[in-house]
Amino acid sequence: MSIRVLSRCGLSLFLAALVSGCSLIGLGDSGRSNECKWNRSSCMYEGRYEPGEEGYAEQEAKDLNRAASERLRRSSGR
């Protein structure tokens, strides 16, 4: 193998490790969010709420839905 081929392979491995590292430290997509994208039921909590937690969860869901709607509107040009 030539040095050029080896250096390209080394660069590819370095970039793959860099992207992987970013994901591990939270700069990329987290594994949990990918799991939830593919299997939403694995991220659903079926137990009871602690006192005061239900209202917080509902408000957080509303805020997240509002933010997603705004991003969708901006990306569609409206």
C-alpha atoms as a PDB file:
ATOM      1  CA  MET A   1       0.000   0.000   0.000  1.00  0.00           C
ATOM      2  CA  SER A   2       1.183   3.442  -0.698  1.00  0.00           C
ATOM      3  CA  ILE A   3       1.655   6.083   1.964  1.00  0.00           C
ATOM      4  CA  ARG A   4      -1.130   8.149   0.404  1.00  0.00           C
ATOM      5  CA  VAL A   5      -3.669   5.323   0.863  1.00  0.00           C
ATOM      6  CA  LEU A   6      -2.523   4.730   4.431  1.00  0.00           C
ATOM      7  CA  SER A   7      -2.769   8.421   5.275  1.00  0.00           C
ATOM      8  CA  ARG A   8      -6.300   8.576   3.825  1.00  0.00           C
ATOM      9  CA  CYS A   9      -7.322   5.604   5.931  1.00  0.00           C
ATOM     10  CA  GLY A  10      -5.761   7.215   8.981  1.00  0.00           C
ATOM     11  CA  LEU A  11      -7.606  10.465   8.314  1.00  0.00           C
ATOM     12  CA  SER A  12     -10.884   8.578   7.905  1.00  0.00           C
ATOM     13  CA  LEU A  13     -10.352   6.758  11.177  1.00  0.00           C
ATOM     14  CA  PHE A  14      -9.477  10.022  12.934  1.00  0.00           C
ATOM     15  CA  LEU A  15     -12.644  11.718  11.656  1.00  0.00           C
ATOM     16  CA  ALA A  16     -14.766   8.744  12.678  1.00  0.00           C
ATOM     17  CA  ALA A  17     -13.248   8.814  16.169  1.00  0.00           C
ATOM     18  CA  LEU A  18     -13.804  12.569  16.389  1.00  0.00           C
ATOM     19  CA  VAL A  19     -17.480  12.270  15.463  1.00  0.00           C
ATOM     20  CA  SER A  20     -17.885   9.369  17.857  1.00  0.00           C
ATOM     21  CA  GLY A  21     -16.203  11.347  20.624  1.00  0.00           C
ATOM     22  CA  CYS A  22     -18.509  14.325  20.073  1.00  0.00           C
ATOM     23  CA  SER A  23     -21.467  12.041  20.453  1.00  0.00           C
ATOM     24  CA  LEU A  24     -20.092  10.608  23.692  1.00  0.00           C
ATOM     25  CA  ILE A  25     -19.578  14.013  25.301  1.00  0.00           C
ATOM     26  CA  GLY A  26     -22.967  15.329  24.231  1.00  0.00           C
ATOM     27  CA  LEU A  27     -22.015  17.432  21.214  1.00  0.00           C
ATOM     28  CA  GLY A  28     -23.777  15.141  18.781  1.00  0.00           C
ATOM     29  CA  ASP A  29     -26.967  13.135  18.807  1.00  0.00           C
ATOM     30  CA  SER A  30     -27.186  11.124  21.998  1.00  0.00           C
ATOM     31  CA  GLY A  31     -27.808   7.404  21.910  1.00  0.00           C
ATOM     32  CA  ARG A  32     -30.947   7.850  24.027  1.00  0.00           C
ATOM     33  CA  SER A  33     -32.521  10.225  21.532  1.00  0.00           C
ATOM     34  CA  ASN A  34     -31.768   7.777  18.709  1.00  0.00           C
ATOM     35  CA  GLU A  35     -33.352   4.991  20.720  1.00  0.00           C
ATOM     36  CA  CYS A  36     -36.467   7.113  21.202  1.00  0.00           C
ATOM     37  CA  LYS A  37     -36.642   7.926  17.490  1.00  0.00           C
ATOM     38  CA  TRP A  38     -36.668   4.254  16.555  1.00  0.00           C
ATOM     39  CA  ASN A  39     -38.730   2.875  19.429  1.00  0.00           C
ATOM     40  CA  ARG A  40     -40.830   5.559  21.125  1.00  0.00           C
ATOM     41  CA  SER A  41     -42.446   3.119  23.545  1.00  0.00           C
ATOM     42  CA  SER A  42     -39.026   2.496  25.131  1.00  0.00           C
ATOM     43  CA  CYS A  43     -38.969   6.142  26.250  1.00  0.00           C
ATOM     44  CA  MET A  44     -42.487   6.271  27.661  1.00  0.00           C
ATOM     45  CA  TYR A  45     -42.832   6.209  31.434  1.00  0.00           C
ATOM     46  CA  GLU A  46     -45.748   4.122  32.687  1.00  0.00           C
ATOM     47  CA  GLY A  47     -45.458   4.758  36.427  1.00  0.00           C
ATOM     48  CA  ARG A  48     -47.060   7.352  38.695  1.00  0.00           C
ATOM     49  CA  TYR A  49     -45.918  10.947  38.948  1.00  0.00           C
ATOM     50  CA  GLU A  50     -44.393  12.320  42.105  1.00  0.00           C
ATOM     51  CA  PRO A  51     -46.235  15.249  43.735  1.00  0.00           C
ATOM     52  CA  GLY A  52     -46.033  18.319  41.477  1.00  0.00           C
ATOM     53  CA  GLU A  53     -44.290  16.413  38.713  1.00  0.00           C
ATOM     54  CA  GLU A  54     -47.349  15.954  36.492  1.00  0.00           C
ATOM     55  CA  GLY A  55     -47.890  19.699  36.012  1.00  0.00           C
ATOM     56  CA  TYR A  56     -44.204  20.199  35.278  1.00  0.00           C
ATOM     57  CA  ALA A  57     -44.222  17.357  32.734  1.00  0.00           C
ATOM     58  CA  GLU A  58     -47.297  18.723  30.980  1.00  0.00           C
ATOM     59  CA  GLN A  59     -45.814  22.233  30.780  1.00  0.00           C
ATOM     60  CA  GLU A  60     -42.504  20.863  29.514  1.00  0.00           C
ATOM     61  CA  ALA A  61     -44.346  18.875  26.828  1.00  0.00           C
ATOM     62  CA  LYS A  62     -46.252  22.009  25.760  1.00  0.00           C
ATOM     63  CA  ASP A  63     -43.010  23.999  25.569  1.00  0.00           C
ATOM     64  CA  LEU A  64     -41.281  21.307  23.529  1.00  0.00           C
ATOM     65  CA  ASN A  65     -44.244  21.024  21.159  1.00  0.00           C
ATOM     66  CA  ARG A  66     -44.353  24.807  20.726  1.00  0.00           C
ATOM     67  CA  ALA A  67     -40.620  24.947  19.979  1.00  0.00           C
ATOM     68  CA  ALA A  68     -40.909  22.104  17.452  1.00  0.00           C
ATOM     69  CA  SER A  69     -43.841  23.859  15.754  1.00  0.00           C
ATOM     70  CA  GLU A  70     -41.855  27.099  15.525  1.00  0.00           C
ATOM     71  CA  ARG A  71     -38.857  25.270  14.004  1.00  0.00           C
ATOM     72  CA  LEU A  72     -41.161  23.590  11.505  1.00  0.00           C
ATOM     73  CA  ARG A  73     -42.740  26.917  10.542  1.00  0.00           C
ATOM     74  CA  ARG A  74     -39.334  28.557  10.125  1.00  0.00           C
ATOM     75  CA  SER A  75     -38.009  25.691   8.009  1.00  0.00           C
ATOM     76  CA  SER A  76     -41.076  25.740   5.752  1.00  0.00           C
ATOM     77  CA  GLY A  77     -40.691  29.493   5.162  1.00  0.00           C
ATOM     78  CA  ARG A  78     -43.906  30.649   6.835  1.00  0.00           C
END
